Amino acid sequence: TVDAFLPAAKGVQALQQQGVVGVVLGCTEL
């Protein structure tokens, strides 16, 4: 789980750059 943070964070940041107001952690591992 510690190794999962960086790629997940990069995914949120990539979506933020597309102007989203919210991000769904749409897999129960996320």
Full PDB file with SEQRES, HELIX, SHEET, SSBOND, CRYST1, ORIGX, SCALE, CONECT and MASTER records, all heavy atoms in Angstrom:
SEQRES   1 A   30  THR VAL ASP ALA PHE LEU PRO ALA ALA LYS GLY VAL GLN          
SEQRES   2 A   30  ALA LEU GLN GLN GLN GLY VAL VAL GLY VAL VAL LEU GLY          
SEQRES   3 A   30  CYS THR GLU LEU                                              
HELIX    1 AA1 PHE A    5  GLN A   16  1                                  12    
CRYST1    1.000    1.000    1.000  90.00  90.00  90.00 P 1           1          
ORIGX1      1.000000  0.000000  0.000000        0.00000                         
ORIGX2      0.000000  1.000000  0.000000        0.00000                         
ORIGX3      0.000000  0.000000  1.000000        0.00000                         
SCALE1      1.000000  0.000000  0.000000        0.00000                         
SCALE2      0.000000  1.000000  0.000000        0.00000                         
SCALE3      0.000000  0.000000  1.000000        0.00000                         
ATOM      1  N   THR A   1       0.807  -1.212   0.000  1.00  0.00           N  
ATOM      2  CA  THR A   1       0.000   0.000   0.000  1.00  0.00           C  
ATOM      3  C   THR A   1       0.848   1.273   0.000  1.00  0.00           C  
ATOM      4  O   THR A   1       0.445   2.280  -0.582  1.00  0.00           O  
ATOM      5  CB  THR A   1      -0.951   0.015   1.210  1.00  0.00           C  
ATOM      6  OG1 THR A   1      -0.201  -0.216   2.403  1.00  0.00           O  
ATOM      7  CG2 THR A   1      -2.006  -1.068   1.080  1.00  0.00           C  
ATOM      8  N   VAL A   2       2.013   1.228   0.628  1.00  0.00           N  
ATOM      9  CA  VAL A   2       2.889   2.412   0.631  1.00  0.00           C  
ATOM     10  C   VAL A   2       3.326   2.740  -0.789  1.00  0.00           C  
ATOM     11  O   VAL A   2       3.358   3.909  -1.204  1.00  0.00           O  
ATOM     12  CB  VAL A   2       4.105   2.188   1.548  1.00  0.00           C  
ATOM     13  CG1 VAL A   2       5.086   3.349   1.425  1.00  0.00           C  
ATOM     14  CG2 VAL A   2       3.650   2.046   3.003  1.00  0.00           C  
ATOM     15  N   ASP A   3       3.641   1.708  -1.571  1.00  0.00           N  
ATOM     16  CA  ASP A   3       4.073   1.923  -2.953  1.00  0.00           C  
ATOM     17  C   ASP A   3       2.930   2.413  -3.834  1.00  0.00           C  
ATOM     18  O   ASP A   3       3.180   2.944  -4.924  1.00  0.00           O  
ATOM     19  CB  ASP A   3       4.620   0.618  -3.537  1.00  0.00           C  
ATOM     20  CG  ASP A   3       5.872   0.133  -2.833  1.00  0.00           C  
ATOM     21  OD1 ASP A   3       6.567   0.967  -2.218  1.00  0.00           O  
ATOM     22  OD2 ASP A   3       6.151  -1.082  -2.876  1.00  0.00           O  
ATOM     23  N   ALA A   4       1.702   2.245  -3.403  1.00  0.00           N  
ATOM     24  CA  ALA A   4       0.551   2.625  -4.220  1.00  0.00           C  
ATOM     25  C   ALA A   4       0.288   4.125  -4.200  1.00  0.00           C  
ATOM     26  O   ALA A   4      -0.385   4.650  -5.101  1.00  0.00           O  
ATOM     27  CB  ALA A   4      -0.694   1.877  -3.741  1.00  0.00           C  
ATOM     28  N   PHE A   5       0.791   4.821  -3.194  1.00  0.00           N  
ATOM     29  CA  PHE A   5       0.426   6.237  -3.054  1.00  0.00           C  
ATOM     30  C   PHE A   5       0.902   7.077  -4.226  1.00  0.00           C  
ATOM     31  O   PHE A   5       0.123   7.865  -4.798  1.00  0.00           O  
ATOM     32  CB  PHE A   5       0.977   6.828  -1.754  1.00  0.00           C  
ATOM     33  CG  PHE A   5       0.690   8.299  -1.632  1.00  0.00           C  
ATOM     34  CD1 PHE A   5      -0.571   8.748  -1.285  1.00  0.00           C  
ATOM     35  CD2 PHE A   5       1.669   9.246  -1.911  1.00  0.00           C  
ATOM     36  CE1 PHE A   5      -0.860  10.108  -1.189  1.00  0.00           C  
ATOM     37  CE2 PHE A   5       1.399  10.605  -1.826  1.00  0.00           C  
ATOM     38  CZ  PHE A   5       0.133  11.035  -1.460  1.00  0.00           C  
ATOM     39  N   LEU A   6       2.151   6.955  -4.616  1.00  0.00           N  
ATOM     40  CA  LEU A   6       2.703   7.837  -5.649  1.00  0.00           C  
ATOM     41  C   LEU A   6       1.955   7.717  -6.972  1.00  0.00           C  
ATOM     42  O   LEU A   6       1.542   8.745  -7.532  1.00  0.00           O  
ATOM     43  CB  LEU A   6       4.198   7.577  -5.834  1.00  0.00           C  
ATOM     44  CG  LEU A   6       4.917   8.526  -6.812  1.00  0.00           C  
ATOM     45  CD1 LEU A   6       4.747   9.972  -6.371  1.00  0.00           C  
ATOM     46  CD2 LEU A   6       6.403   8.156  -6.908  1.00  0.00           C  
ATOM     47  N   PRO A   7       1.746   6.510  -7.524  1.00  0.00           N  
ATOM     48  CA  PRO A   7       0.987   6.465  -8.778  1.00  0.00           C  
ATOM     49  C   PRO A   7      -0.446   6.952  -8.624  1.00  0.00           C  
ATOM     50  O   PRO A   7      -0.974   7.632  -9.523  1.00  0.00           O  
ATOM     51  CB  PRO A   7       1.044   4.989  -9.182  1.00  0.00           C  
ATOM     52  CG  PRO A   7       1.424   4.244  -7.957  1.00  0.00           C  
ATOM     53  CD  PRO A   7       2.260   5.178  -7.146  1.00  0.00           C  
ATOM     54  N   ALA A   8      -1.092   6.638  -7.503  1.00  0.00           N  
ATOM     55  CA  ALA A   8      -2.459   7.114  -7.304  1.00  0.00           C  
ATOM     56  C   ALA A   8      -2.500   8.639  -7.231  1.00  0.00           C  
ATOM     57  O   ALA A   8      -3.374   9.282  -7.822  1.00  0.00           O  
ATOM     58  CB  ALA A   8      -3.047   6.504  -6.041  1.00  0.00           C  
ATOM     59  N   ALA A   9      -1.550   9.226  -6.519  1.00  0.00           N  
ATOM     60  CA  ALA A   9      -1.478  10.689  -6.418  1.00  0.00           C  
ATOM     61  C   ALA A   9      -1.260  11.329  -7.775  1.00  0.00           C  
ATOM     62  O   ALA A   9      -1.864  12.362  -8.104  1.00  0.00           O  
ATOM     63  CB  ALA A   9      -0.370  11.082  -5.451  1.00  0.00           C  
ATOM     64  N   LYS A  10      -0.410  10.719  -8.582  1.00  0.00           N  
ATOM     65  CA  LYS A  10      -0.175  11.243  -9.928  1.00  0.00           C  
ATOM     66  C   LYS A  10      -1.448  11.186 -10.771  1.00  0.00           C  
ATOM     67  O   LYS A  10      -1.705  12.077 -11.587  1.00  0.00           O  
ATOM     68  CB  LYS A  10       0.945  10.460 -10.604  1.00  0.00           C  
ATOM     69  CG  LYS A  10       2.337  10.770 -10.050  1.00  0.00           C  
ATOM     70  CD  LYS A  10       3.413  10.001 -10.807  1.00  0.00           C  
ATOM     71  CE  LYS A  10       4.818  10.370 -10.312  1.00  0.00           C  
ATOM     72  NZ  LYS A  10       5.875   9.603 -11.018  1.00  0.00           N  
ATOM     73  N   GLY A  11      -2.251  10.155 -10.561  1.00  0.00           N  
ATOM     74  CA  GLY A  11      -3.520  10.070 -11.275  1.00  0.00           C  
ATOM     75  C   GLY A  11      -4.472  11.184 -10.889  1.00  0.00           C  
ATOM     76  O   GLY A  11      -5.107  11.801 -11.756  1.00  0.00           O  
ATOM     77  N   VAL A  12      -4.575  11.466  -9.591  1.00  0.00           N  
ATOM     78  CA  VAL A  12      -5.422  12.572  -9.135  1.00  0.00           C  
ATOM     79  C   VAL A  12      -4.919  13.892  -9.716  1.00  0.00           C  
ATOM     80  O   VAL A  12      -5.702  14.718 -10.216  1.00  0.00           O  
ATOM     81  CB  VAL A  12      -5.456  12.630  -7.600  1.00  0.00           C  
ATOM     82  CG1 VAL A  12      -6.203  13.879  -7.132  1.00  0.00           C  
ATOM     83  CG2 VAL A  12      -6.099  11.378  -7.022  1.00  0.00           C  
ATOM     84  N   GLN A  13      -3.612  14.099  -9.683  1.00  0.00           N  
ATOM     85  CA  GLN A  13      -3.038  15.343 -10.193  1.00  0.00           C  
ATOM     86  C   GLN A  13      -3.265  15.504 -11.684  1.00  0.00           C  
ATOM     87  O   GLN A  13      -3.525  16.611 -12.178  1.00  0.00           O  
ATOM     88  CB  GLN A  13      -1.556  15.383  -9.847  1.00  0.00           C  
ATOM     89  CG  GLN A  13      -1.286  15.538  -8.346  1.00  0.00           C  
ATOM     90  CD  GLN A  13       0.096  15.116  -7.923  1.00  0.00           C  
ATOM     91  OE1 GLN A  13       0.890  14.626  -8.737  1.00  0.00           O  
ATOM     92  NE2 GLN A  13       0.413  15.284  -6.640  1.00  0.00           N  
ATOM     93  N   ALA A  14      -3.179  14.408 -12.436  1.00  0.00           N  
ATOM     94  CA  ALA A  14      -3.425  14.469 -13.878  1.00  0.00           C  
ATOM     95  C   ALA A  14      -4.857  14.901 -14.160  1.00  0.00           C  
ATOM     96  O   ALA A  14      -5.122  15.685 -15.083  1.00  0.00           O  
ATOM     97  CB  ALA A  14      -3.134  13.116 -14.517  1.00  0.00           C  
ATOM     98  N   LEU A  15      -5.794  14.406 -13.369  1.00  0.00           N  
ATOM     99  CA  LEU A  15      -7.191  14.804 -13.541  1.00  0.00           C  
ATOM    100  C   LEU A  15      -7.420  16.240 -13.094  1.00  0.00           C  
ATOM    101  O   LEU A  15      -8.201  16.978 -13.706  1.00  0.00           O  
ATOM    102  CB  LEU A  15      -8.097  13.842 -12.776  1.00  0.00           C  
ATOM    103  CG  LEU A  15      -8.239  12.453 -13.409  1.00  0.00           C  
ATOM    104  CD1 LEU A  15      -8.835  11.457 -12.427  1.00  0.00           C  
ATOM    105  CD2 LEU A  15      -9.083  12.522 -14.677  1.00  0.00           C  
ATOM    106  N   GLN A  16      -6.730  16.666 -12.040  1.00  0.00           N  
ATOM    107  CA  GLN A  16      -6.836  18.059 -11.618  1.00  0.00           C  
ATOM    108  C   GLN A  16      -6.417  19.011 -12.737  1.00  0.00           C  
ATOM    109  O   GLN A  16      -7.010  20.079 -12.911  1.00  0.00           O  
ATOM    110  CB  GLN A  16      -5.959  18.310 -10.386  1.00  0.00           C  
ATOM    111  CG  GLN A  16      -6.553  17.798  -9.081  1.00  0.00           C  
ATOM    112  CD  GLN A  16      -5.688  18.187  -7.894  1.00  0.00           C  
ATOM    113  OE1 GLN A  16      -4.828  17.426  -7.468  1.00  0.00           O  
ATOM    114  NE2 GLN A  16      -5.922  19.371  -7.370  1.00  0.00           N  
ATOM    115  N   GLN A  17      -5.419  18.622 -13.493  1.00  0.00           N  
ATOM    116  CA  GLN A  17      -4.950  19.455 -14.598  1.00  0.00           C  
ATOM    117  C   GLN A  17      -5.993  19.577 -15.705  1.00  0.00           C  
ATOM    118  O   GLN A  17      -5.900  20.474 -16.547  1.00  0.00           O  
ATOM    119  CB  GLN A  17      -3.645  18.888 -15.163  1.00  0.00           C  
ATOM    120  CG  GLN A  17      -2.468  19.018 -14.204  1.00  0.00           C  
ATOM    121  CD  GLN A  17      -1.218  18.295 -14.673  1.00  0.00           C  
ATOM    122  OE1 GLN A  17      -1.202  17.707 -15.759  1.00  0.00           O  
ATOM    123  NE2 GLN A  17      -0.164  18.329 -13.878  1.00  0.00           N  
ATOM    124  N   GLN A  18      -6.986  18.700 -15.679  1.00  0.00           N  
ATOM    125  CA  GLN A  18      -8.081  18.768 -16.648  1.00  0.00           C  
ATOM    126  C   GLN A  18      -9.276  19.550 -16.099  1.00  0.00           C  
ATOM    127  O   GLN A  18     -10.346  19.554 -16.701  1.00  0.00           O  
ATOM    128  CB  GLN A  18      -8.512  17.367 -17.062  1.00  0.00           C  
ATOM    129  CG  GLN A  18      -7.436  16.598 -17.837  1.00  0.00           C  
ATOM    130  CD  GLN A  18      -7.928  15.239 -18.292  1.00  0.00           C  
ATOM    131  OE1 GLN A  18      -7.606  14.210 -17.697  1.00  0.00           O  
ATOM    132  NE2 GLN A  18      -8.713  15.220 -19.361  1.00  0.00           N  
ATOM    133  N   GLY A  19      -9.086  20.206 -14.978  1.00  0.00           N  
ATOM    134  CA  GLY A  19     -10.099  21.103 -14.450  1.00  0.00           C  
ATOM    135  C   GLY A  19     -11.245  20.447 -13.720  1.00  0.00           C  
ATOM    136  O   GLY A  19     -12.348  21.017 -13.639  1.00  0.00           O  
ATOM    137  N   VAL A  20     -11.005  19.279 -13.135  1.00  0.00           N  
ATOM    138  CA  VAL A  20     -12.093  18.614 -12.408  1.00  0.00           C  
ATOM    139  C   VAL A  20     -12.280  19.266 -11.040  1.00  0.00           C  
ATOM    140  O   VAL A  20     -11.344  19.823 -10.467  1.00  0.00           O  
ATOM    141  CB  VAL A  20     -11.827  17.106 -12.255  1.00  0.00           C  
ATOM    142  CG1 VAL A  20     -11.657  16.449 -13.622  1.00  0.00           C  
ATOM    143  CG2 VAL A  20     -10.615  16.830 -11.372  1.00  0.00           C  
ATOM    144  N   VAL A  21     -13.498  19.174 -10.532  1.00  0.00           N  
ATOM    145  CA  VAL A  21     -13.789  19.675  -9.177  1.00  0.00           C  
ATOM    146  C   VAL A  21     -13.811  18.539  -8.164  1.00  0.00           C  
ATOM    147  O   VAL A  21     -13.822  18.772  -6.954  1.00  0.00           O  
ATOM    148  CB  VAL A  21     -15.123  20.443  -9.143  1.00  0.00           C  
ATOM    149  CG1 VAL A  21     -15.045  21.690 -10.007  1.00  0.00           C  
ATOM    150  CG2 VAL A  21     -16.292  19.556  -9.581  1.00  0.00           C  
ATOM    151  N   GLY A  22     -13.835  17.317  -8.661  1.00  0.00           N  
ATOM    152  CA  GLY A  22     -13.829  16.149  -7.793  1.00  0.00           C  
ATOM    153  C   GLY A  22     -13.236  14.965  -8.518  1.00  0.00           C  
ATOM    154  O   GLY A  22     -13.224  14.918  -9.754  1.00  0.00           O  
ATOM    155  N   VAL A  23     -12.724  14.016  -7.758  1.00  0.00           N  
ATOM    156  CA  VAL A  23     -12.159  12.795  -8.321  1.00  0.00           C  
ATOM    157  C   VAL A  23     -12.769  11.604  -7.602  1.00  0.00           C  
ATOM    158  O   VAL A  23     -12.780  11.543  -6.365  1.00  0.00           O  
ATOM    159  CB  VAL A  23     -10.624  12.751  -8.206  1.00  0.00           C  
ATOM    160  CG1 VAL A  23     -10.081  11.382  -8.639  1.00  0.00           C  
ATOM    161  CG2 VAL A  23      -9.982  13.862  -9.035  1.00  0.00           C  
ATOM    162  N   VAL A  24     -13.278  10.659  -8.381  1.00  0.00           N  
ATOM    163  CA  VAL A  24     -13.838   9.419  -7.845  1.00  0.00           C  
ATOM    164  C   VAL A  24     -12.724   8.387  -7.715  1.00  0.00           C  
ATOM    165  O   VAL A  24     -12.065   8.054  -8.707  1.00  0.00           O  
ATOM    166  CB  VAL A  24     -14.934   8.876  -8.785  1.00  0.00           C  
ATOM    167  CG1 VAL A  24     -15.411   7.511  -8.298  1.00  0.00           C  
ATOM    168  CG2 VAL A  24     -16.092   9.853  -8.889  1.00  0.00           C  
ATOM    169  N   LEU A  25     -12.498   7.899  -6.524  1.00  0.00           N  
ATOM    170  CA  LEU A  25     -11.597   6.761  -6.310  1.00  0.00           C  
ATOM    171  C   LEU A  25     -12.441   5.516  -6.548  1.00  0.00           C  
ATOM    172  O   LEU A  25     -12.900   4.851  -5.627  1.00  0.00           O  
ATOM    173  CB  LEU A  25     -11.003   6.805  -4.905  1.00  0.00           C  
ATOM    174  CG  LEU A  25     -10.211   8.075  -4.564  1.00  0.00           C  
ATOM    175  CD1 LEU A  25      -9.694   8.028  -3.129  1.00  0.00           C  
ATOM    176  CD2 LEU A  25      -9.055   8.285  -5.546  1.00  0.00           C  
ATOM    177  N   GLY A  26     -12.631   5.223  -7.847  1.00  0.00           N  
ATOM    178  CA  GLY A  26     -13.629   4.277  -8.295  1.00  0.00           C  
ATOM    179  C   GLY A  26     -13.163   2.845  -8.409  1.00  0.00           C  
ATOM    180  O   GLY A  26     -13.650   2.108  -9.270  1.00  0.00           O  
ATOM    181  N   CYS A  27     -12.243   2.463  -7.588  1.00  0.00           N  
ATOM    182  CA  CYS A  27     -11.874   1.071  -7.370  1.00  0.00           C  
ATOM    183  C   CYS A  27     -11.597   0.980  -5.885  1.00  0.00           C  
ATOM    184  O   CYS A  27     -10.965   1.891  -5.321  1.00  0.00           O  
ATOM    185  CB  CYS A  27     -10.633   0.679  -8.178  1.00  0.00           C  
ATOM    186  SG  CYS A  27      -9.972  -0.952  -7.760  1.00  0.00           S  
ATOM    187  N   THR A  28     -12.052  -0.062  -5.218  1.00  0.00           N  
ATOM    188  CA  THR A  28     -11.937  -0.081  -3.758  1.00  0.00           C  
ATOM    189  C   THR A  28     -10.510  -0.311  -3.272  1.00  0.00           C  
ATOM    190  O   THR A  28     -10.262  -0.243  -2.064  1.00  0.00           O  
ATOM    191  CB  THR A  28     -12.887  -1.133  -3.150  1.00  0.00           C  
ATOM    192  OG1 THR A  28     -12.794  -2.363  -3.863  1.00  0.00           O  
ATOM    193  CG2 THR A  28     -14.325  -0.632  -3.181  1.00  0.00           C  
ATOM    194  N   GLU A  29      -9.556  -0.521  -4.184  1.00  0.00           N  
ATOM    195  CA  GLU A  29      -8.143  -0.471  -3.793  1.00  0.00           C  
ATOM    196  C   GLU A  29      -7.633   0.971  -3.714  1.00  0.00           C  
ATOM    197  O   GLU A  29      -6.693   1.262  -2.954  1.00  0.00           O  
ATOM    198  CB  GLU A  29      -7.273  -1.261  -4.778  1.00  0.00           C  
ATOM    199  CG  GLU A  29      -7.152  -2.741  -4.477  1.00  0.00           C  
ATOM    200  CD  GLU A  29      -8.419  -3.516  -4.758  1.00  0.00           C  
ATOM    201  OE1 GLU A  29      -9.086  -3.235  -5.770  1.00  0.00           O  
ATOM    202  OE2 GLU A  29      -8.759  -4.409  -3.958  1.00  0.00           O  
ATOM    203  N   LEU A  30      -8.217   1.870  -4.482  1.00  0.00           N  
ATOM    204  CA  LEU A  30      -7.681   3.236  -4.555  1.00  0.00           C  
ATOM    205  C   LEU A  30      -7.816   4.024  -3.250  1.00  0.00           C  
ATOM    206  O   LEU A  30      -6.909   4.785  -2.900  1.00  0.00           O  
ATOM    207  CB  LEU A  30      -8.326   3.988  -5.726  1.00  0.00           C  
ATOM    208  CG  LEU A  30      -7.904   3.468  -7.109  1.00  0.00           C  
ATOM    209  CD1 LEU A  30      -8.744   4.115  -8.208  1.00  0.00           C  
ATOM    210  CD2 LEU A  30      -6.412   3.740  -7.351  1.00  0.00           C  
TER     211      LEU A  30                                                      
MASTER        0    0    0    1    0    0    0    6  210    1    0    3          
END                                                                             
